Amino acid sequence: MIRSKEVLKVDIDWYLTQQIHPPISRLIDPIEGTSSAAVAEHMGLDAARFRQQTGGGGDGDDDEMTDYLSRRLDDAERFKNAATLDVHCRACASTLPFPGVHHFEPSAFVGQSGLCCGNPECRAPFFGFEDKEDCIALVENKLTLAMRQFVRQYVR
């Protein structure tokens, strides 16, 4: 065995760039306001090298597979563990999950507006608001607050 008199040095930049940065970027990718470049900058790396990367620097194959698999599931199965966005109807005072702006009733195979009360006895347009703008503002505000709550839950 021949030993070198040179001292071996760990290439810290390589380990940070190749081993640490990619998994951290993948973990924080869903968090609003974060980026691969920001992670690199906080790690003391050259952020410019990571500005064009998306999804932690992967080639997208995992994302394509996830998209393919999620399209094969119906929404009830795909979102069975997701929190609902509940909307209160001013006309009948019921609070029901918001089905989306447009949704399909499985039994009727007909698209319906989600901007009306889901209570079959009420079905008030715009959840009892007189103007559709007020209804849309309600849904938008509830969605924004819910997203902020979930972001806070995972940022802590």
Protein backbone atom coordinates (compact mmCIF):
# COMPACT_ATOMS: atom_id res chain seq x y z
CA MET A 1 0.00 0.00 0.00
CA ILE A 2 1.35 3.39 -0.97
CA ARG A 3 0.48 6.29 1.18
CA SER A 4 0.40 9.83 -0.04
CA LYS A 5 2.02 12.49 2.04
CA GLU A 6 -0.71 14.90 0.97
CA VAL A 7 -3.46 15.72 3.41
CA LEU A 8 -6.91 14.79 2.19
CA LYS A 9 -9.45 17.55 2.41
CA VAL A 10 -13.21 17.15 2.40
CA ASP A 11 -14.86 19.05 -0.46
CA ILE A 12 -17.51 20.77 1.63
CA ASP A 13 -18.96 22.63 -1.35
CA TRP A 14 -19.54 19.37 -3.23
CA TYR A 15 -21.32 17.74 -0.25
CA LEU A 16 -23.51 20.78 0.33
CA THR A 17 -24.33 21.12 -3.38
CA GLN A 18 -24.84 17.43 -4.21
CA GLN A 19 -25.92 15.75 -0.97
CA ILE A 20 -27.55 18.31 1.31
CA HIS A 21 -29.12 20.96 -0.95
CA PRO A 22 -31.28 18.66 -3.18
CA PRO A 23 -33.27 16.93 -0.40
CA ILE A 24 -33.76 20.17 1.51
CA SER A 25 -35.01 21.87 -1.65
CA ARG A 26 -37.47 19.02 -2.29
CA LEU A 27 -38.77 19.24 1.28
CA ILE A 28 -39.44 22.97 1.21
CA ASP A 29 -40.61 23.18 -2.43
CA PRO A 30 -44.35 23.15 -1.50
CA ILE A 31 -43.90 26.02 0.97
CA GLU A 32 -45.01 29.33 -0.50
CA GLY A 33 -42.23 31.93 -0.74
CA THR A 34 -39.33 29.48 -0.76
CA SER A 35 -36.96 28.62 -3.58
CA SER A 36 -33.98 26.46 -4.36
CA ALA A 37 -31.87 29.60 -4.76
CA ALA A 38 -32.87 30.92 -1.32
CA VAL A 39 -31.88 27.61 0.30
CA ALA A 40 -28.53 27.75 -1.48
CA GLU A 41 -27.95 31.31 -0.35
CA HIS A 42 -28.69 30.41 3.29
CA MET A 43 -26.28 27.49 3.01
CA GLY A 44 -23.52 29.81 1.79
CA LEU A 45 -23.61 28.49 -1.77
CA ASP A 46 -23.76 30.44 -5.02
CA ALA A 47 -27.51 31.06 -5.36
CA ALA A 48 -27.20 31.88 -9.09
CA ARG A 49 -26.44 28.20 -9.81
CA PHE A 50 -29.84 27.22 -8.43
CA ARG A 51 -32.11 29.95 -9.79
CA GLN A 52 -33.24 27.96 -12.85
CA GLN A 53 -33.79 24.68 -11.02
CA THR A 54 -37.28 23.57 -10.06
CA GLY A 55 -38.43 20.79 -7.81
CA GLY A 56 -35.09 20.32 -6.07
CA GLY A 57 -33.09 19.88 -9.27
CA GLY A 58 -34.70 16.63 -10.40
CA ASP A 59 -35.43 15.73 -13.99
CA GLY A 60 -39.20 15.74 -13.49
CA ASP A 61 -39.76 11.99 -13.85
CA ASP A 62 -41.11 11.69 -10.30
CA ASP A 63 -43.49 14.61 -10.88
CA GLU A 64 -44.75 13.09 -14.13
CA MET A 65 -45.40 9.74 -12.42
CA THR A 66 -47.23 11.43 -9.54
CA ASP A 67 -49.38 13.40 -12.00
CA TYR A 68 -50.16 10.22 -13.96
CA LEU A 69 -51.15 8.27 -10.84
CA SER A 70 -53.24 11.10 -9.40
CA ARG A 71 -55.23 11.44 -12.65
CA ARG A 72 -56.18 7.77 -12.44
CA LEU A 73 -57.85 8.23 -9.04
CA ASP A 74 -61.25 9.81 -8.64
CA ASP A 75 -61.33 12.98 -6.53
CA ALA A 76 -63.03 11.28 -3.56
CA GLU A 77 -60.14 8.82 -3.25
CA ARG A 78 -57.42 11.28 -4.21
CA PHE A 79 -58.45 13.88 -1.61
CA LYS A 80 -59.91 11.60 1.08
CA ASN A 81 -57.44 12.85 3.71
CA ALA A 82 -57.52 16.51 2.69
CA ALA A 83 -59.08 19.17 4.89
CA THR A 84 -62.28 20.66 3.54
CA LEU A 85 -62.95 24.32 2.92
CA ASP A 86 -66.30 24.93 4.59
CA VAL A 87 -68.60 27.73 3.42
CA HIS A 88 -71.55 29.13 5.36
CA CYS A 89 -74.76 29.83 3.45
CA ARG A 90 -76.48 33.07 4.46
CA ALA A 91 -79.83 31.87 3.13
CA CYS A 92 -80.26 28.63 5.11
CA ALA A 93 -77.48 29.02 7.73
CA SER A 94 -75.94 25.64 6.86
CA THR A 95 -72.18 25.16 6.65
CA LEU A 96 -71.02 22.67 4.05
CA PRO A 97 -67.77 21.76 2.28
CA PHE A 98 -67.05 23.89 -0.80
CA PRO A 99 -67.07 21.50 -3.79
CA GLY A 100 -65.13 23.81 -6.13
CA VAL A 101 -66.23 26.48 -8.58
CA HIS A 102 -67.42 23.79 -11.00
CA HIS A 103 -67.99 20.19 -10.02
CA PHE A 104 -69.68 17.08 -11.31
CA GLU A 105 -72.32 15.22 -9.39
CA PRO A 106 -71.39 11.53 -9.71
CA SER A 107 -75.02 10.41 -9.92
CA ALA A 108 -76.06 12.88 -12.61
CA PHE A 109 -72.84 13.19 -14.67
CA VAL A 110 -73.75 16.85 -15.04
CA GLY A 111 -71.53 19.79 -14.24
CA GLN A 112 -72.88 22.17 -11.63
CA SER A 113 -71.82 25.49 -10.22
CA GLY A 114 -70.13 25.25 -6.86
CA LEU A 115 -71.12 28.84 -6.13
CA CYS A 116 -74.46 27.86 -4.70
CA CYS A 117 -75.49 26.24 -1.44
CA GLY A 118 -74.87 22.49 -1.32
CA ASN A 119 -77.94 21.93 0.83
CA PRO A 120 -80.45 20.25 -1.54
CA GLU A 121 -83.34 22.03 0.18
CA CYS A 122 -81.76 25.46 -0.28
CA ARG A 123 -79.48 25.61 -3.38
CA ALA A 124 -79.31 29.42 -2.94
CA PRO A 125 -77.10 30.98 -5.59
CA PHE A 126 -73.93 32.63 -4.28
CA PHE A 127 -74.52 31.18 -0.78
CA GLY A 128 -77.22 33.76 -0.12
CA PHE A 129 -75.19 36.81 -1.17
CA GLU A 130 -76.91 39.22 -3.55
CA ASP A 131 -73.75 39.85 -5.60
CA LYS A 132 -71.53 37.15 -7.00
CA GLU A 133 -68.50 39.34 -6.23
CA ASP A 134 -69.29 39.10 -2.49
CA CYS A 135 -69.58 35.32 -2.79
CA ILE A 136 -66.28 35.04 -4.66
CA ALA A 137 -64.61 37.33 -2.11
CA LEU A 138 -65.89 35.07 0.70
CA VAL A 139 -64.46 31.94 -0.93
CA GLU A 140 -61.19 33.68 -1.80
CA ASN A 141 -60.73 34.99 1.75
CA LYS A 142 -61.54 31.62 3.34
CA LEU A 143 -59.09 29.91 0.98
CA THR A 144 -56.34 32.44 1.70
CA LEU A 145 -56.80 32.07 5.46
CA ALA A 146 -56.78 28.27 5.21
CA MET A 147 -53.58 28.28 3.12
CA ARG A 148 -51.87 30.62 5.61
CA GLN A 149 -52.91 28.35 8.48
CA PHE A 150 -51.42 25.28 6.78
CA VAL A 151 -48.21 27.12 5.89
CA ARG A 152 -47.84 28.25 9.54
CA GLN A 153 -48.45 24.67 10.66
CA TYR A 154 -45.50 23.38 8.62
CA VAL A 155 -43.13 26.33 8.91
CA ARG A 156 -42.84 26.16 12.69
